[in-house]
Amino acid sequence: EGEVSGGGSTITQQVAKNLFLWPGRSVVRKG
């Protein structure tokens, strides 16, 4: 709907991102 939200990330998802992935938003990273 074009609204900006927090992305629905849990603490566990943020651990996954912080440990192994990269900052920023992308469909690939979320996948």
PDB file of all heavy atoms in Angstrom:
ATOM      1  N   GLU A   1       0.812  -1.214   0.000  1.00  0.00           N
ATOM      2  CA  GLU A   1       0.000   0.000   0.000  1.00  0.00           C
ATOM      3  C   GLU A   1       0.847   1.266   0.000  1.00  0.00           C
ATOM      4  O   GLU A   1       0.325   2.376   0.120  1.00  0.00           O
ATOM      5  CB  GLU A   1      -0.921  -0.008   1.218  1.00  0.00           C
ATOM      6  CG  GLU A   1      -1.960  -1.137   1.177  1.00  0.00           C
ATOM      7  CD  GLU A   1      -2.753  -1.246   2.466  1.00  0.00           C
ATOM      8  OE1 GLU A   1      -2.525  -0.400   3.354  1.00  0.00           O
ATOM      9  OE2 GLU A   1      -3.592  -2.162   2.587  1.00  0.00           O
ATOM     10  N   GLY A   2       2.156   1.084  -0.093  1.00  0.00           N
ATOM     11  CA  GLY A   2       3.057   2.232  -0.156  1.00  0.00           C
ATOM     12  C   GLY A   2       3.385   2.853   1.175  1.00  0.00           C
ATOM     13  O   GLY A   2       3.928   3.958   1.236  1.00  0.00           O
ATOM     14  N   GLU A   3       3.077   2.158   2.262  1.00  0.00           N
ATOM     15  CA  GLU A   3       3.356   2.684   3.590  1.00  0.00           C
ATOM     16  C   GLU A   3       4.695   2.164   4.081  1.00  0.00           C
ATOM     17  O   GLU A   3       5.095   1.043   3.786  1.00  0.00           O
ATOM     18  CB  GLU A   3       2.247   2.277   4.575  1.00  0.00           C
ATOM     19  CG  GLU A   3       0.872   2.814   4.209  1.00  0.00           C
ATOM     20  CD  GLU A   3      -0.191   2.381   5.193  1.00  0.00           C
ATOM     21  OE1 GLU A   3       0.182   1.853   6.260  1.00  0.00           O
ATOM     22  OE2 GLU A   3      -1.378   2.553   4.905  1.00  0.00           O
ATOM     23  N   VAL A   4       5.394   2.989   4.860  1.00  0.00           N
ATOM     24  CA  VAL A   4       6.678   2.603   5.442  1.00  0.00           C
ATOM     25  C   VAL A   4       6.422   1.982   6.805  1.00  0.00           C
ATOM     26  O   VAL A   4       5.741   2.567   7.644  1.00  0.00           O
ATOM     27  CB  VAL A   4       7.618   3.822   5.597  1.00  0.00           C
ATOM     28  CG1 VAL A   4       8.925   3.400   6.262  1.00  0.00           C
ATOM     29  CG2 VAL A   4       7.885   4.449   4.239  1.00  0.00           C
ATOM     30  N   SER A   5       6.979   0.801   7.029  1.00  0.00           N
ATOM     31  CA  SER A   5       6.824   0.137   8.321  1.00  0.00           C
ATOM     32  C   SER A   5       8.178  -0.364   8.781  1.00  0.00           C
ATOM     33  O   SER A   5       9.183  -0.242   8.105  1.00  0.00           O
ATOM     34  CB  SER A   5       5.835  -1.042   8.217  1.00  0.00           C
ATOM     35  OG  SER A   5       6.410  -2.086   7.458  1.00  0.00           O
ATOM     36  N   GLY A   6       8.191  -0.967   9.965  1.00  0.00           N
ATOM     37  CA  GLY A   6       9.442  -1.467  10.521  1.00  0.00           C
ATOM     38  C   GLY A   6       9.944  -2.727   9.872  1.00  0.00           C
ATOM     39  O   GLY A   6      11.035  -3.185  10.176  1.00  0.00           O
ATOM     40  N   GLY A   7       9.167  -3.333   8.991  1.00  0.00           N
ATOM     41  CA  GLY A   7       9.624  -4.514   8.284  1.00  0.00           C
ATOM     42  C   GLY A   7       9.225  -5.825   8.929  1.00  0.00           C
ATOM     43  O   GLY A   7       9.407  -6.886   8.349  1.00  0.00           O
ATOM     44  N   GLY A   8       8.661  -5.780  10.141  1.00  0.00           N
ATOM     45  CA  GLY A   8       8.185  -6.995  10.782  1.00  0.00           C
ATOM     46  C   GLY A   8       9.292  -7.921  11.238  1.00  0.00           C
ATOM     47  O   GLY A   8       9.040  -9.106  11.481  1.00  0.00           O
ATOM     48  N   SER A   9      10.524  -7.427  11.385  1.00  0.00           N
ATOM     49  CA  SER A   9      11.646  -8.286  11.758  1.00  0.00           C
ATOM     50  C   SER A   9      11.646  -8.578  13.254  1.00  0.00           C
ATOM     51  O   SER A   9      11.490  -7.677  14.076  1.00  0.00           O
ATOM     52  CB  SER A   9      12.975  -7.628  11.374  1.00  0.00           C
ATOM     53  OG  SER A   9      13.135  -7.595   9.978  1.00  0.00           O
ATOM     54  N   THR A  10      11.868  -9.833  13.593  1.00  0.00           N
ATOM     55  CA  THR A  10      12.020 -10.234  14.986  1.00  0.00           C
ATOM     56  C   THR A  10      13.465 -10.010  15.428  1.00  0.00           C
ATOM     57  O   THR A  10      14.356  -9.743  14.613  1.00  0.00           O
ATOM     58  CB  THR A  10      11.680 -11.721  15.151  1.00  0.00           C
ATOM     59  OG1 THR A  10      12.631 -12.490  14.394  1.00  0.00           O
ATOM     60  CG2 THR A  10      10.273 -12.026  14.654  1.00  0.00           C
ATOM     61  N   ILE A  11      13.710 -10.156  16.721  1.00  0.00           N
ATOM     62  CA  ILE A  11      15.077 -10.092  17.221  1.00  0.00           C
ATOM     63  C   ILE A  11      15.918 -11.180  16.573  1.00  0.00           C
ATOM     64  O   ILE A  11      17.082 -10.950  16.208  1.00  0.00           O
ATOM     65  CB  ILE A  11      15.078 -10.217  18.758  1.00  0.00           C
ATOM     66  CG1 ILE A  11      14.585  -8.903  19.391  1.00  0.00           C
ATOM     67  CG2 ILE A  11      16.464 -10.583  19.295  1.00  0.00           C
ATOM     68  CD1 ILE A  11      14.398  -8.953  20.895  1.00  0.00           C
ATOM     69  N   THR A  12      15.346 -12.354  16.389  1.00  0.00           N
ATOM     70  CA  THR A  12      16.082 -13.456  15.763  1.00  0.00           C
ATOM     71  C   THR A  12      16.445 -13.134  14.326  1.00  0.00           C
ATOM     72  O   THR A  12      17.555 -13.440  13.865  1.00  0.00           O
ATOM     73  CB  THR A  12      15.249 -14.746  15.829  1.00  0.00           C
ATOM     74  OG1 THR A  12      14.676 -14.887  17.131  1.00  0.00           O
ATOM     75  CG2 THR A  12      16.110 -15.967  15.528  1.00  0.00           C
ATOM     76  N   GLN A  13      15.531 -12.521  13.583  1.00  0.00           N
ATOM     77  CA  GLN A  13      15.849 -12.090  12.225  1.00  0.00           C
ATOM     78  C   GLN A  13      16.970 -11.054  12.220  1.00  0.00           C
ATOM     79  O   GLN A  13      17.838 -11.068  11.344  1.00  0.00           O
ATOM     80  CB  GLN A  13      14.604 -11.510  11.550  1.00  0.00           C
ATOM     81  CG  GLN A  13      13.584 -12.550  11.119  1.00  0.00           C
ATOM     82  CD  GLN A  13      12.348 -11.899  10.532  1.00  0.00           C
ATOM     83  OE1 GLN A  13      11.346 -11.732  11.225  1.00  0.00           O
ATOM     84  NE2 GLN A  13      12.418 -11.511   9.285  1.00  0.00           N
ATOM     85  N   GLN A  14      16.935 -10.158  13.189  1.00  0.00           N
ATOM     86  CA  GLN A  14      17.981  -9.147  13.252  1.00  0.00           C
ATOM     87  C   GLN A  14      19.334  -9.767  13.595  1.00  0.00           C
ATOM     88  O   GLN A  14      20.374  -9.318  13.102  1.00  0.00           O
ATOM     89  CB  GLN A  14      17.596  -8.070  14.264  1.00  0.00           C
ATOM     90  CG  GLN A  14      16.386  -7.254  13.813  1.00  0.00           C
ATOM     91  CD  GLN A  14      15.991  -6.208  14.825  1.00  0.00           C
ATOM     92  OE1 GLN A  14      16.747  -5.280  15.092  1.00  0.00           O
ATOM     93  NE2 GLN A  14      14.808  -6.347  15.403  1.00  0.00           N
ATOM     94  N   VAL A  15      19.324 -10.815  14.410  1.00  0.00           N
ATOM     95  CA  VAL A  15      20.565 -11.546  14.676  1.00  0.00           C
ATOM     96  C   VAL A  15      21.069 -12.195  13.395  1.00  0.00           C
ATOM     97  O   VAL A  15      22.269 -12.140  13.084  1.00  0.00           O
ATOM     98  CB  VAL A  15      20.346 -12.598  15.785  1.00  0.00           C
ATOM     99  CG1 VAL A  15      21.528 -13.568  15.856  1.00  0.00           C
ATOM    100  CG2 VAL A  15      20.152 -11.911  17.129  1.00  0.00           C
ATOM    101  N   ALA A  16      20.173 -12.812  12.629  1.00  0.00           N
ATOM    102  CA  ALA A  16      20.563 -13.428  11.358  1.00  0.00           C
ATOM    103  C   ALA A  16      21.168 -12.395  10.419  1.00  0.00           C
ATOM    104  O   ALA A  16      22.227 -12.620   9.805  1.00  0.00           O
ATOM    105  CB  ALA A  16      19.347 -14.098  10.712  1.00  0.00           C
ATOM    106  N   LYS A  17      20.508 -11.252  10.309  1.00  0.00           N
ATOM    107  CA  LYS A  17      21.007 -10.184   9.441  1.00  0.00           C
ATOM    108  C   LYS A  17      22.347  -9.657   9.932  1.00  0.00           C
ATOM    109  O   LYS A  17      23.295  -9.513   9.155  1.00  0.00           O
ATOM    110  CB  LYS A  17      19.991  -9.046   9.380  1.00  0.00           C
ATOM    111  CG  LYS A  17      20.430  -7.856   8.533  1.00  0.00           C
ATOM    112  CD  LYS A  17      19.570  -6.629   8.804  1.00  0.00           C
ATOM    113  CE  LYS A  17      19.872  -6.028  10.156  1.00  0.00           C
ATOM    114  NZ  LYS A  17      19.138  -4.763  10.411  1.00  0.00           N
ATOM    115  N   ASN A  18      22.420  -9.354  11.227  1.00  0.00           N
ATOM    116  CA  ASN A  18      23.637  -8.745  11.759  1.00  0.00           C
ATOM    117  C   ASN A  18      24.837  -9.686  11.687  1.00  0.00           C
ATOM    118  O   ASN A  18      25.965  -9.243  11.428  1.00  0.00           O
ATOM    119  CB  ASN A  18      23.418  -8.301  13.206  1.00  0.00           C
ATOM    120  CG  ASN A  18      22.484  -7.116  13.321  1.00  0.00           C
ATOM    121  OD1 ASN A  18      22.219  -6.423  12.349  1.00  0.00           O
ATOM    122  ND2 ASN A  18      21.965  -6.877  14.515  1.00  0.00           N
ATOM    123  N   LEU A  19      24.621 -10.970  11.931  1.00  0.00           N
ATOM    124  CA  LEU A  19      25.730 -11.914  11.925  1.00  0.00           C
ATOM    125  C   LEU A  19      26.198 -12.271  10.516  1.00  0.00           C
ATOM    126  O   LEU A  19      27.406 -12.371  10.267  1.00  0.00           O
ATOM    127  CB  LEU A  19      25.343 -13.201  12.655  1.00  0.00           C
ATOM    128  CG  LEU A  19      25.306 -13.180  14.181  1.00  0.00           C
ATOM    129  CD1 LEU A  19      24.876 -14.536  14.701  1.00  0.00           C
ATOM    130  CD2 LEU A  19      26.665 -12.802  14.760  1.00  0.00           C
ATOM    131  N   PHE A  20      25.248 -12.460   9.603  1.00  0.00           N
ATOM    132  CA  PHE A  20      25.603 -13.117   8.352  1.00  0.00           C
ATOM    133  C   PHE A  20      25.267 -12.338   7.076  1.00  0.00           C
ATOM    134  O   PHE A  20      25.784 -12.688   6.004  1.00  0.00           O
ATOM    135  CB  PHE A  20      24.897 -14.480   8.266  1.00  0.00           C
ATOM    136  CG  PHE A  20      25.219 -15.409   9.393  1.00  0.00           C
ATOM    137  CD1 PHE A  20      24.234 -15.841  10.268  1.00  0.00           C
ATOM    138  CD2 PHE A  20      26.512 -15.852   9.592  1.00  0.00           C
ATOM    139  CE1 PHE A  20      24.523 -16.715  11.307  1.00  0.00           C
ATOM    140  CE2 PHE A  20      26.815 -16.721  10.631  1.00  0.00           C
ATOM    141  CZ  PHE A  20      25.819 -17.159  11.492  1.00  0.00           C
ATOM    142  N   LEU A  21      24.414 -11.333   7.169  1.00  0.00           N
ATOM    143  CA  LEU A  21      23.936 -10.685   5.953  1.00  0.00           C
ATOM    144  C   LEU A  21      24.386  -9.229   5.914  1.00  0.00           C
ATOM    145  O   LEU A  21      25.466  -8.902   6.374  1.00  0.00           O
ATOM    146  CB  LEU A  21      22.409 -10.832   5.855  1.00  0.00           C
ATOM    147  CG  LEU A  21      21.922 -12.300   5.862  1.00  0.00           C
ATOM    148  CD1 LEU A  21      20.406 -12.377   5.926  1.00  0.00           C
ATOM    149  CD2 LEU A  21      22.454 -13.058   4.655  1.00  0.00           C
ATOM    150  N   TRP A  22      23.602  -8.357   5.356  1.00  0.00           N
ATOM    151  CA  TRP A  22      24.015  -6.977   5.163  1.00  0.00           C
ATOM    152  C   TRP A  22      22.862  -6.042   5.512  1.00  0.00           C
ATOM    153  O   TRP A  22      21.699  -6.432   5.495  1.00  0.00           O
ATOM    154  CB  TRP A  22      24.459  -6.759   3.710  1.00  0.00           C
ATOM    155  CG  TRP A  22      23.383  -7.048   2.701  1.00  0.00           C
ATOM    156  CD1 TRP A  22      22.480  -6.159   2.187  1.00  0.00           C
ATOM    157  CD2 TRP A  22      23.070  -8.312   2.084  1.00  0.00           C
ATOM    158  NE1 TRP A  22      21.641  -6.777   1.296  1.00  0.00           N
ATOM    159  CE2 TRP A  22      21.983  -8.093   1.215  1.00  0.00           C
ATOM    160  CE3 TRP A  22      23.624  -9.594   2.188  1.00  0.00           C
ATOM    161  CZ2 TRP A  22      21.435  -9.115   0.452  1.00  0.00           C
ATOM    162  CZ3 TRP A  22      23.074 -10.615   1.426  1.00  0.00           C
ATOM    163  CH2 TRP A  22      21.990 -10.369   0.568  1.00  0.00           C
ATOM    164  N   PRO A  23      23.175  -4.784   5.865  1.00  0.00           N
ATOM    165  CA  PRO A  23      22.107  -3.833   6.205  1.00  0.00           C
ATOM    166  C   PRO A  23      21.345  -3.374   4.972  1.00  0.00           C
ATOM    167  O   PRO A  23      21.737  -3.658   3.835  1.00  0.00           O
ATOM    168  CB  PRO A  23      22.872  -2.667   6.856  1.00  0.00           C
ATOM    169  CG  PRO A  23      24.231  -2.745   6.264  1.00  0.00           C
ATOM    170  CD  PRO A  23      24.518  -4.208   6.038  1.00  0.00           C
ATOM    171  N   GLY A  24      20.276  -2.632   5.223  1.00  0.00           N
ATOM    172  CA  GLY A  24      19.451  -2.161   4.107  1.00  0.00           C
ATOM    173  C   GLY A  24      18.323  -3.125   3.827  1.00  0.00           C
ATOM    174  O   GLY A  24      18.293  -4.249   4.325  1.00  0.00           O
ATOM    175  N   ARG A  25      17.387  -2.674   3.019  1.00  0.00           N
ATOM    176  CA  ARG A  25      16.211  -3.485   2.700  1.00  0.00           C
ATOM    177  C   ARG A  25      16.298  -4.029   1.289  1.00  0.00           C
ATOM    178  O   ARG A  25      16.619  -3.296   0.354  1.00  0.00           O
ATOM    179  CB  ARG A  25      14.933  -2.652   2.843  1.00  0.00           C
ATOM    180  CG  ARG A  25      14.648  -2.202   4.271  1.00  0.00           C
ATOM    181  CD  ARG A  25      13.313  -1.496   4.359  1.00  0.00           C
ATOM    182  NE  ARG A  25      13.017  -1.054   5.721  1.00  0.00           N
ATOM    183  CZ  ARG A  25      11.887  -0.488   6.084  1.00  0.00           C
ATOM    184  NH1 ARG A  25      10.942  -0.268   5.176  1.00  0.00           N
ATOM    185  NH2 ARG A  25      11.690  -0.120   7.335  1.00  0.00           N
ATOM    186  N   SER A  26      16.032  -5.311   1.146  1.00  0.00           N
ATOM    187  CA  SER A  26      15.952  -5.912  -0.180  1.00  0.00           C
ATOM    188  C   SER A  26      15.190  -7.220  -0.063  1.00  0.00           C
ATOM    189  O   SER A  26      15.215  -7.879   0.985  1.00  0.00           O
ATOM    190  CB  SER A  26      17.340  -6.151  -0.777  1.00  0.00           C
ATOM    191  OG  SER A  26      17.968  -7.255  -0.171  1.00  0.00           O
ATOM    192  N   VAL A  27      14.526  -7.600  -1.126  1.00  0.00           N
ATOM    193  CA  VAL A  27      13.779  -8.853  -1.141  1.00  0.00           C
ATOM    194  C   VAL A  27      14.729 -10.035  -1.019  1.00  0.00           C
ATOM    195  O   VAL A  27      14.438 -11.033  -0.347  1.00  0.00           O
ATOM    196  CB  VAL A  27      12.950  -8.953  -2.440  1.00  0.00           C
ATOM    197  CG1 VAL A  27      12.269 -10.311  -2.539  1.00  0.00           C
ATOM    198  CG2 VAL A  27      11.903  -7.848  -2.485  1.00  0.00           C
ATOM    199  N   VAL A  28      15.899  -9.931  -1.649  1.00  0.00           N
ATOM    200  CA  VAL A  28      16.873 -11.020  -1.607  1.00  0.00           C
ATOM    201  C   VAL A  28      17.338 -11.260  -0.174  1.00  0.00           C
ATOM    202  O   VAL A  28      17.359 -12.393   0.312  1.00  0.00           O
ATOM    203  CB  VAL A  28      18.083 -10.704  -2.517  1.00  0.00           C
ATOM    204  CG1 VAL A  28      19.187 -11.751  -2.318  1.00  0.00           C
ATOM    205  CG2 VAL A  28      17.653 -10.661  -3.975  1.00  0.00           C
ATOM    206  N   ARG A  29      17.710 -10.162   0.518  1.00  0.00           N
ATOM    207  CA  ARG A  29      18.182 -10.325   1.890  1.00  0.00           C
ATOM    208  C   ARG A  29      17.097 -10.904   2.780  1.00  0.00           C
ATOM    209  O   ARG A  29      17.353 -11.775   3.615  1.00  0.00           O
ATOM    210  CB  ARG A  29      18.655  -8.985   2.454  1.00  0.00           C
ATOM    211  CG  ARG A  29      19.537  -9.145   3.704  1.00  0.00           C
ATOM    212  CD  ARG A  29      19.424  -7.975   4.629  1.00  0.00           C
ATOM    213  NE  ARG A  29      18.140  -7.955   5.311  1.00  0.00           N
ATOM    214  CZ  ARG A  29      17.622  -6.895   5.895  1.00  0.00           C
ATOM    215  NH1 ARG A  29      18.262  -5.736   5.861  1.00  0.00           N
ATOM    216  NH2 ARG A  29      16.451  -6.958   6.518  1.00  0.00           N
ATOM    217  N   LYS A  30      15.869 -10.423   2.609  1.00  0.00           N
ATOM    218  CA  LYS A  30      14.769 -10.929   3.426  1.00  0.00           C
ATOM    219  C   LYS A  30      14.529 -12.409   3.140  1.00  0.00           C
ATOM    220  O   LYS A  30      14.262 -13.188   4.067  1.00  0.00           O
ATOM    221  CB  LYS A  30      13.504 -10.126   3.150  1.00  0.00           C
ATOM    222  CG  LYS A  30      12.330 -10.460   4.065  1.00  0.00           C
ATOM    223  CD  LYS A  30      12.614 -10.099   5.514  1.00  0.00           C
ATOM    224  CE  LYS A  30      12.640  -8.605   5.742  1.00  0.00           C
ATOM    225  NZ  LYS A  30      12.771  -8.268   7.184  1.00  0.00           N
ATOM    226  N   GLY A  31      14.666 -12.808   1.887  1.00  0.00           N
ATOM    227  CA  GLY A  31      14.500 -14.209   1.531  1.00  0.00           C
ATOM    228  C   GLY A  31      15.551 -15.102   2.167  1.00  0.00           C
ATOM    229  O   GLY A  31      15.270 -16.253   2.530  1.00  0.00           O
TER     230      GLY A  31
END
